[in-house]
Amino acid sequence: MTEAKVRQQYDQMAATYDWRWSRYVSNTLSFLKNWAQIPSTARVLDIACGTGEFEHMLVTDNPDQAMVGVDISEKMLAIAQQKCHAT
């Protein structure tokens, strides 16, 4: 599979990704957040951040958390940016 094809597939599912996978994403990211115990002073790099649900969880608890999310899908990143700026 090519990079362009992967990007296209994730761009196509971006609008419905959170709704479709909400329970799975919520459970796994909640586990990750608790397991990782990320200090509020840490800088976080989330590779393949998708729609930014993990970033949203961290920012909700600590609005000053420094983080960067990267993803192959520009549409997923746009949703992530909206989520994090709305918090």
PDB file of N, CA and C in Angstrom:
ATOM      1  N   MET A   1       0.844  -1.168   0.000  1.00  0.00           N
ATOM      2  CA  MET A   1       0.000   0.000   0.000  1.00  0.00           C
ATOM      3  C   MET A   1       0.896   1.241   0.000  1.00  0.00           C
ATOM      4  N   THR A   2       0.521   2.226  -0.739  1.00  0.00           N
ATOM      5  CA  THR A   2       1.330   3.441  -0.853  1.00  0.00           C
ATOM      6  C   THR A   2       0.950   4.463   0.220  1.00  0.00           C
ATOM      7  N   GLU A   3       1.863   5.392   0.455  1.00  0.00           N
ATOM      8  CA  GLU A   3       1.593   6.464   1.411  1.00  0.00           C
ATOM      9  C   GLU A   3       0.351   7.252   1.004  1.00  0.00           C
ATOM     10  N   ALA A   4       0.221   7.535  -0.271  1.00  0.00           N
ATOM     11  CA  ALA A   4      -0.935   8.298  -0.764  1.00  0.00           C
ATOM     12  C   ALA A   4      -2.242   7.555  -0.486  1.00  0.00           C
ATOM     13  N   LYS A   5      -2.231   6.256  -0.647  1.00  0.00           N
ATOM     14  CA  LYS A   5      -3.440   5.455  -0.422  1.00  0.00           C
ATOM     15  C   LYS A   5      -3.813   5.441   1.059  1.00  0.00           C
ATOM     16  N   VAL A   6      -2.819   5.295   1.920  1.00  0.00           N
ATOM     17  CA  VAL A   6      -3.074   5.319   3.363  1.00  0.00           C
ATOM     18  C   VAL A   6      -3.639   6.676   3.767  1.00  0.00           C
ATOM     19  N   ARG A   7      -3.016   7.738   3.282  1.00  0.00           N
ATOM     20  CA  ARG A   7      -3.489   9.097   3.587  1.00  0.00           C
ATOM     21  C   ARG A   7      -4.932   9.274   3.128  1.00  0.00           C
ATOM     22  N   GLN A   8      -5.221   8.830   1.931  1.00  0.00           N
ATOM     23  CA  GLN A   8      -6.569   8.950   1.374  1.00  0.00           C
ATOM     24  C   GLN A   8      -7.590   8.194   2.235  1.00  0.00           C
ATOM     25  N   GLN A   9      -7.255   6.989   2.659  1.00  0.00           N
ATOM     26  CA  GLN A   9      -8.181   6.205   3.473  1.00  0.00           C
ATOM     27  C   GLN A   9      -8.474   6.877   4.813  1.00  0.00           C
ATOM     28  N   TYR A  10      -7.431   7.396   5.469  1.00  0.00           N
ATOM     29  CA  TYR A  10      -7.655   8.069   6.746  1.00  0.00           C
ATOM     30  C   TYR A  10      -8.365   9.411   6.563  1.00  0.00           C
ATOM     31  N   ASP A  11      -8.082  10.109   5.482  1.00  0.00           N
ATOM     32  CA  ASP A  11      -8.811  11.339   5.194  1.00  0.00           C
ATOM     33  C   ASP A  11     -10.297  11.047   5.023  1.00  0.00           C
ATOM     34  N   GLN A  12     -10.620   9.941   4.367  1.00  0.00           N
ATOM     35  CA  GLN A  12     -12.020   9.587   4.123  1.00  0.00           C
ATOM     36  C   GLN A  12     -12.762   9.228   5.413  1.00  0.00           C
ATOM     37  N   MET A  13     -12.082   8.623   6.357  1.00  0.00           N
ATOM     38  CA  MET A  13     -12.763   8.220   7.587  1.00  0.00           C
ATOM     39  C   MET A  13     -12.647   9.250   8.708  1.00  0.00           C
ATOM     40  N   ALA A  14     -11.952  10.345   8.488  1.00  0.00           N
ATOM     41  CA  ALA A  14     -11.703  11.329   9.545  1.00  0.00           C
ATOM     42  C   ALA A  14     -12.987  11.833  10.199  1.00  0.00           C
ATOM     43  N   ALA A  15     -13.981  12.174   9.409  1.00  0.00           N
ATOM     44  CA  ALA A  15     -15.211  12.770   9.940  1.00  0.00           C
ATOM     45  C   ALA A  15     -15.988  11.809  10.843  1.00  0.00           C
ATOM     46  N   THR A  16     -15.872  10.520  10.613  1.00  0.00           N
ATOM     47  CA  THR A  16     -16.643   9.558  11.400  1.00  0.00           C
ATOM     48  C   THR A  16     -15.777   8.721  12.339  1.00  0.00           C
ATOM     49  N   TYR A  17     -14.493   8.953  12.356  1.00  0.00           N
ATOM     50  CA  TYR A  17     -13.566   8.132  13.131  1.00  0.00           C
ATOM     51  C   TYR A  17     -13.915   8.118  14.622  1.00  0.00           C
ATOM     52  N   ASP A  18     -14.098   9.280  15.214  1.00  0.00           N
ATOM     53  CA  ASP A  18     -14.392   9.348  16.651  1.00  0.00           C
ATOM     54  C   ASP A  18     -15.689   8.634  16.990  1.00  0.00           C
ATOM     55  N   TRP A  19     -16.698   8.841  16.204  1.00  0.00           N
ATOM     56  CA  TRP A  19     -17.988   8.205  16.455  1.00  0.00           C
ATOM     57  C   TRP A  19     -17.872   6.686  16.326  1.00  0.00           C
ATOM     58  N   ARG A  20     -17.224   6.245  15.281  1.00  0.00           N
ATOM     59  CA  ARG A  20     -17.135   4.806  15.005  1.00  0.00           C
ATOM     60  C   ARG A  20     -16.287   4.064  16.038  1.00  0.00           C
ATOM     61  N   TRP A  21     -15.202   4.662  16.469  1.00  0.00           N
ATOM     62  CA  TRP A  21     -14.259   3.987  17.348  1.00  0.00           C
ATOM     63  C   TRP A  21     -14.251   4.542  18.771  1.00  0.00           C
ATOM     64  N   SER A  22     -15.238   5.319  19.146  1.00  0.00           N
ATOM     65  CA  SER A  22     -15.205   6.057  20.415  1.00  0.00           C
ATOM     66  C   SER A  22     -14.970   5.174  21.636  1.00  0.00           C
ATOM     67  N   ARG A  23     -15.654   4.069  21.749  1.00  0.00           N
ATOM     68  CA  ARG A  23     -15.495   3.227  22.942  1.00  0.00           C
ATOM     69  C   ARG A  23     -14.086   2.626  23.004  1.00  0.00           C
ATOM     70  N   TYR A  24     -13.632   2.093  21.889  1.00  0.00           N
ATOM     71  CA  TYR A  24     -12.297   1.496  21.834  1.00  0.00           C
ATOM     72  C   TYR A  24     -11.219   2.542  22.126  1.00  0.00           C
ATOM     73  N   VAL A  25     -11.317   3.672  21.458  1.00  0.00           N
ATOM     74  CA  VAL A  25     -10.315   4.734  21.627  1.00  0.00           C
ATOM     75  C   VAL A  25     -10.325   5.242  23.068  1.00  0.00           C
ATOM     76  N   SER A  26     -11.495   5.474  23.607  1.00  0.00           N
ATOM     77  CA  SER A  26     -11.605   5.972  24.972  1.00  0.00           C
ATOM     78  C   SER A  26     -10.971   4.999  25.972  1.00  0.00           C
ATOM     79  N   ASN A  27     -11.284   3.725  25.830  1.00  0.00           N
ATOM     80  CA  ASN A  27     -10.732   2.727  26.756  1.00  0.00           C
ATOM     81  C   ASN A  27      -9.223   2.599  26.627  1.00  0.00           C
ATOM     82  N   THR A  28      -8.711   2.505  25.423  1.00  0.00           N
ATOM     83  CA  THR A  28      -7.272   2.303  25.254  1.00  0.00           C
ATOM     84  C   THR A  28      -6.480   3.550  25.632  1.00  0.00           C
ATOM     85  N   LEU A  29      -6.980   4.717  25.276  1.00  0.00           N
ATOM     86  CA  LEU A  29      -6.239   5.935  25.607  1.00  0.00           C
ATOM     87  C   LEU A  29      -6.317   6.269  27.092  1.00  0.00           C
ATOM     88  N   SER A  30      -7.430   5.946  27.725  1.00  0.00           N
ATOM     89  CA  SER A  30      -7.517   6.126  29.181  1.00  0.00           C
ATOM     90  C   SER A  30      -6.503   5.235  29.880  1.00  0.00           C
ATOM     91  N   PHE A  31      -6.394   3.996  29.404  1.00  0.00           N
ATOM     92  CA  PHE A  31      -5.390   3.089  29.954  1.00  0.00           C
ATOM     93  C   PHE A  31      -3.987   3.669  29.756  1.00  0.00           C
ATOM     94  N   LEU A  32      -3.690   4.122  28.533  1.00  0.00           N
ATOM     95  CA  LEU A  32      -2.373   4.684  28.229  1.00  0.00           C
ATOM     96  C   LEU A  32      -2.060   5.879  29.116  1.00  0.00           C
ATOM     97  N   LYS A  33      -3.027   6.767  29.266  1.00  0.00           N
ATOM     98  CA  LYS A  33      -2.829   7.963  30.078  1.00  0.00           C
ATOM     99  C   LYS A  33      -2.503   7.591  31.523  1.00  0.00           C
ATOM    100  N   ASN A  34      -3.244   6.648  32.082  1.00  0.00           N
ATOM    101  CA  ASN A  34      -2.997   6.227  33.462  1.00  0.00           C
ATOM    102  C   ASN A  34      -1.671   5.481  33.594  1.00  0.00           C
ATOM    103  N   TRP A  35      -1.373   4.644  32.636  1.00  0.00           N
ATOM    104  CA  TRP A  35      -0.146   3.848  32.665  1.00  0.00           C
ATOM    105  C   TRP A  35       1.098   4.728  32.520  1.00  0.00           C
ATOM    106  N   ALA A  36       1.045   5.678  31.590  1.00  0.00           N
ATOM    107  CA  ALA A  36       2.220   6.509  31.289  1.00  0.00           C
ATOM    108  C   ALA A  36       2.529   7.531  32.386  1.00  0.00           C
ATOM    109  N   GLN A  37       1.517   7.948  33.120  1.00  0.00           N
ATOM    110  CA  GLN A  37       1.700   8.943  34.182  1.00  0.00           C
ATOM    111  C   GLN A  37       2.558  10.113  33.708  1.00  0.00           C
ATOM    112  N   ILE A  38       2.103  10.777  32.690  1.00  0.00           N
ATOM    113  CA  ILE A  38       2.848  11.884  32.065  1.00  0.00           C
ATOM    114  C   ILE A  38       2.811  13.110  32.967  1.00  0.00           C
ATOM    115  N   PRO A  39       3.953  13.591  33.385  1.00  0.00           N
ATOM    116  CA  PRO A  39       3.977  14.794  34.227  1.00  0.00           C
ATOM    117  C   PRO A  39       3.482  16.019  33.449  1.00  0.00           C
ATOM    118  N   SER A  40       2.912  16.946  34.156  1.00  0.00           N
ATOM    119  CA  SER A  40       2.385  18.158  33.513  1.00  0.00           C
ATOM    120  C   SER A  40       3.489  19.002  32.890  1.00  0.00           C
ATOM    121  N   THR A  41       4.724  18.785  33.316  1.00  0.00           N
ATOM    122  CA  THR A  41       5.854  19.545  32.777  1.00  0.00           C
ATOM    123  C   THR A  41       6.504  18.863  31.574  1.00  0.00           C
ATOM    124  N   ALA A  42       6.051  17.662  31.246  1.00  0.00           N
ATOM    125  CA  ALA A  42       6.634  16.908  30.126  1.00  0.00           C
ATOM    126  C   ALA A  42       6.160  17.457  28.789  1.00  0.00           C
ATOM    127  N   ARG A  43       6.991  17.291  27.786  1.00  0.00           N
ATOM    128  CA  ARG A  43       6.611  17.573  26.406  1.00  0.00           C
ATOM    129  C   ARG A  43       6.225  16.250  25.776  1.00  0.00           C
ATOM    130  N   VAL A  44       5.076  16.227  25.122  1.00  0.00           N
ATOM    131  CA  VAL A  44       4.529  14.992  24.577  1.00  0.00           C
ATOM    132  C   VAL A  44       4.579  15.043  23.056  1.00  0.00           C
ATOM    133  N   LEU A  45       5.080  13.981  22.451  1.00  0.00           N
ATOM    134  CA  LEU A  45       5.052  13.811  21.005  1.00  0.00           C
ATOM    135  C   LEU A  45       4.174  12.601  20.718  1.00  0.00           C
ATOM    136  N   ASP A  46       3.077  12.819  20.031  1.00  0.00           N
ATOM    137  CA  ASP A  46       2.158  11.740  19.672  1.00  0.00           C
ATOM    138  C   ASP A  46       2.251  11.511  18.172  1.00  0.00           C
ATOM    139  N   ILE A  47       2.877  10.419  17.796  1.00  0.00           N
ATOM    140  CA  ILE A  47       3.016  10.065  16.386  1.00  0.00           C
ATOM    141  C   ILE A  47       1.813   9.224  16.000  1.00  0.00           C
ATOM    142  N   ALA A  48       1.183   9.597  14.894  1.00  0.00           N
ATOM    143  CA  ALA A  48      -0.078   8.970  14.450  1.00  0.00           C
ATOM    144  C   ALA A  48      -1.185   9.343  15.434  1.00  0.00           C
ATOM    145  N   CYS A  49      -1.319  10.625  15.694  1.00  0.00           N
ATOM    146  CA  CYS A  49      -2.262  11.129  16.694  1.00  0.00           C
ATOM    147  C   CYS A  49      -3.716  11.056  16.258  1.00  0.00           C
ATOM    148  N   GLY A  50      -3.953  10.806  14.984  1.00  0.00           N
ATOM    149  CA  GLY A  50      -5.343  10.708  14.518  1.00  0.00           C
ATOM    150  C   GLY A  50      -6.103  11.987  14.776  1.00  0.00           C
ATOM    151  N   THR A  51      -7.271  11.856  15.383  1.00  0.00           N
ATOM    152  CA  THR A  51      -8.131  13.013  15.625  1.00  0.00           C
ATOM    153  C   THR A  51      -7.822  13.725  16.931  1.00  0.00           C
ATOM    154  N   GLY A  52      -6.698  13.382  17.555  1.00  0.00           N
ATOM    155  CA  GLY A  52      -6.242  14.111  18.733  1.00  0.00           C
ATOM    156  C   GLY A  52      -6.952  13.791  20.031  1.00  0.00           C
ATOM    157  N   GLU A  53      -7.530  12.616  20.121  1.00  0.00           N
ATOM    158  CA  GLU A  53      -8.262  12.268  21.339  1.00  0.00           C
ATOM    159  C   GLU A  53      -7.337  12.202  22.556  1.00  0.00           C
ATOM    160  N   PHE A  54      -6.132  11.673  22.378  1.00  0.00           N
ATOM    161  CA  PHE A  54      -5.188  11.613  23.498  1.00  0.00           C
ATOM    162  C   PHE A  54      -4.767  13.018  23.918  1.00  0.00           C
ATOM    163  N   GLU A  55      -4.488  13.859  22.955  1.00  0.00           N
ATOM    164  CA  GLU A  55      -4.127  15.247  23.264  1.00  0.00           C
ATOM    165  C   GLU A  55      -5.267  15.923  24.019  1.00  0.00           C
ATOM    166  N   HIS A  56      -6.482  15.684  23.572  1.00  0.00           N
ATOM    167  CA  HIS A  56      -7.652  16.281  24.223  1.00  0.00           C
ATOM    168  C   HIS A  56      -7.750  15.823  25.677  1.00  0.00           C
ATOM    169  N   MET A  57      -7.503  14.537  25.917  1.00  0.00           N
ATOM    170  CA  MET A  57      -7.523  14.031  27.299  1.00  0.00           C
ATOM    171  C   MET A  57      -6.492  14.746  28.159  1.00  0.00           C
ATOM    172  N   LEU A  58      -5.288  14.905  27.625  1.00  0.00           N
ATOM    173  CA  LEU A  58      -4.227  15.539  28.403  1.00  0.00           C
ATOM    174  C   LEU A  58      -4.515  17.017  28.651  1.00  0.00           C
ATOM    175  N   VAL A  59      -4.976  17.711  27.630  1.00  0.00           N
ATOM    176  CA  VAL A  59      -5.251  19.150  27.756  1.00  0.00           C
ATOM    177  C   VAL A  59      -6.435  19.402  28.686  1.00  0.00           C
ATOM    178  N   THR A  60      -7.386  18.500  28.698  1.00  0.00           N
ATOM    179  CA  THR A  60      -8.528  18.654  29.599  1.00  0.00           C
ATOM    180  C   THR A  60      -8.066  18.649  31.051  1.00  0.00           C
ATOM    181  N   ASP A  61      -7.130  17.742  31.361  1.00  0.00           N
ATOM    182  CA  ASP A  61      -6.605  17.668  32.727  1.00  0.00           C
ATOM    183  C   ASP A  61      -5.550  18.724  33.023  1.00  0.00           C
ATOM    184  N   ASN A  62      -4.799  19.126  31.997  1.00  0.00           N
ATOM    185  CA  ASN A  62      -3.713  20.092  32.200  1.00  0.00           C
ATOM    186  C   ASN A  62      -3.620  21.009  30.980  1.00  0.00           C
ATOM    187  N   PRO A  63      -4.311  22.132  30.999  1.00  0.00           N
ATOM    188  CA  PRO A  63      -4.338  23.032  29.838  1.00  0.00           C
ATOM    189  C   PRO A  63      -2.964  23.541  29.388  1.00  0.00           C
ATOM    190  N   ASP A  64      -1.956  23.468  30.254  1.00  0.00           N
ATOM    191  CA  ASP A  64      -0.620  23.946  29.905  1.00  0.00           C
ATOM    192  C   ASP A  64       0.304  22.845  29.390  1.00  0.00           C
ATOM    193  N   GLN A  65      -0.218  21.650  29.202  1.00  0.00           N
ATOM    194  CA  GLN A  65       0.602  20.525  28.724  1.00  0.00           C
ATOM    195  C   GLN A  65       1.180  20.868  27.355  1.00  0.00           C
ATOM    196  N   ALA A  66       2.487  20.720  27.203  1.00  0.00           N
ATOM    197  CA  ALA A  66       3.144  20.971  25.917  1.00  0.00           C
ATOM    198  C   ALA A  66       3.118  19.679  25.109  1.00  0.00           C
ATOM    199  N   MET A  67       2.575  19.756  23.888  1.00  0.00           N
ATOM    200  CA  MET A  67       2.510  18.552  23.075  1.00  0.00           C
ATOM    201  C   MET A  67       2.466  18.866  21.596  1.00  0.00           C
ATOM    202  N   VAL A  68       2.883  17.866  20.839  1.00  0.00           N
ATOM    203  CA  VAL A  68       2.846  17.933  19.382  1.00  0.00           C
ATOM    204  C   VAL A  68       2.246  16.625  18.897  1.00  0.00           C
ATOM    205  N   GLY A  69       1.280  16.732  18.010  1.00  0.00           N
ATOM    206  CA  GLY A  69       0.707  15.546  17.388  1.00  0.00           C
ATOM    207  C   GLY A  69       0.986  15.588  15.896  1.00  0.00           C
ATOM    208  N   VAL A  70       1.381  14.458  15.351  1.00  0.00           N
ATOM    209  CA  VAL A  70       1.608  14.358  13.915  1.00  0.00           C
ATOM    210  C   VAL A  70       0.800  13.183  13.375  1.00  0.00           C
ATOM    211  N   ASP A  71       0.347  13.314  12.149  1.00  0.00           N
ATOM    212  CA  ASP A  71      -0.427  12.253  11.517  1.00  0.00           C
ATOM    213  C   ASP A  71      -0.301  12.382  10.010  1.00  0.00           C
ATOM    214  N   ILE A  72      -0.488  11.275   9.327  1.00  0.00           N
ATOM    215  CA  ILE A  72      -0.399  11.263   7.870  1.00  0.00           C
ATOM    216  C   ILE A  72      -1.613  11.943   7.223  1.00  0.00           C
ATOM    217  N   SER A  73      -2.724  11.994   7.953  1.00  0.00           N
ATOM    218  CA  SER A  73      -3.971  12.540   7.420  1.00  0.00           C
ATOM    219  C   SER A  73      -4.174  13.990   7.839  1.00  0.00           C
ATOM    220  N   GLU A  74      -4.222  14.875   6.872  1.00  0.00           N
ATOM    221  CA  GLU A  74      -4.460  16.288   7.172  1.00  0.00           C
ATOM    222  C   GLU A  74      -5.855  16.500   7.753  1.00  0.00           C
ATOM    223  N   LYS A  75      -6.819  15.708   7.329  1.00  0.00           N
ATOM    224  CA  LYS A  75      -8.184  15.859   7.850  1.00  0.00           C
ATOM    225  C   LYS A  75      -8.267  15.407   9.301  1.00  0.00           C
ATOM    226  N   MET A  76      -7.535  14.357   9.651  1.00  0.00           N
ATOM    227  CA  MET A  76      -7.482  13.940  11.057  1.00  0.00           C
ATOM    228  C   MET A  76      -6.823  15.037  11.893  1.00  0.00           C
ATOM    229  N   LEU A  77      -5.737  15.617  11.386  1.00  0.00           N
ATOM    230  CA  LEU A  77      -5.054  16.691  12.109  1.00  0.00           C
ATOM    231  C   LEU A  77      -5.953  17.914  12.293  1.00  0.00           C
ATOM    232  N   ALA A  78      -6.756  18.228  11.295  1.00  0.00           N
ATOM    233  CA  ALA A  78      -7.665  19.371  11.405  1.00  0.00           C
ATOM    234  C   ALA A  78      -8.660  19.153  12.544  1.00  0.00           C
ATOM    235  N   ILE A  79      -9.170  17.944  12.668  1.00  0.00           N
ATOM    236  CA  ILE A  79     -10.094  17.626  13.761  1.00  0.00           C
ATOM    237  C   ILE A  79      -9.367  17.720  15.095  1.00  0.00           C
ATOM    238  N   ALA A  80      -8.143  17.204  15.154  1.00  0.00           N
ATOM    239  CA  ALA A  80      -7.346  17.268  16.381  1.00  0.00           C
ATOM    240  C   ALA A  80      -7.124  18.722  16.806  1.00  0.00           C
ATOM    241  N   GLN A  81      -6.802  19.564  15.875  1.00  0.00           N
ATOM    242  CA  GLN A  81      -6.578  20.975  16.199  1.00  0.00           C
ATOM    243  C   GLN A  81      -7.848  21.623  16.733  1.00  0.00           C
ATOM    244  N   GLN A  82      -8.978  21.310  16.125  1.00  0.00           N
ATOM    245  CA  GLN A  82     -10.261  21.859  16.613  1.00  0.00           C
ATOM    246  C   GLN A  82     -10.541  21.409  18.040  1.00  0.00           C
ATOM    247  N   LYS A  83     -10.313  20.131  18.317  1.00  0.00           N
ATOM    248  CA  LYS A  83     -10.557  19.604  19.665  1.00  0.00           C
ATOM    249  C   LYS A  83      -9.688  20.305  20.698  1.00  0.00           C
ATOM    250  N   CYS A  84      -8.429  20.441  20.389  1.00  0.00           N
ATOM    251  CA  CYS A  84      -7.500  21.001  21.371  1.00  0.00           C
ATOM    252  C   CYS A  84      -7.697  22.496  21.567  1.00  0.00           C
ATOM    253  N   HIS A  85      -8.097  23.189  20.538  1.00  0.00           N
ATOM    254  CA  HIS A  85      -8.329  24.631  20.679  1.00  0.00           C
ATOM    255  C   HIS A  85      -9.662  24.920  21.364  1.00  0.00           C
ATOM    256  N   ALA A  86     -10.589  23.961  21.309  1.00  0.00           N
ATOM    257  CA  ALA A  86     -11.892  24.139  21.945  1.00  0.00           C
ATOM    258  C   ALA A  86     -11.812  23.936  23.448  1.00  0.00           C
ATOM    259  N   THR A  87     -10.741  23.310  23.913  1.00  0.00           N
ATOM    260  CA  THR A  87     -10.614  23.000  25.341  1.00  0.00           C
ATOM    261  C   THR A  87     -10.134  24.197  26.121  1.00  0.00           C
TER     262      THR A  87
END
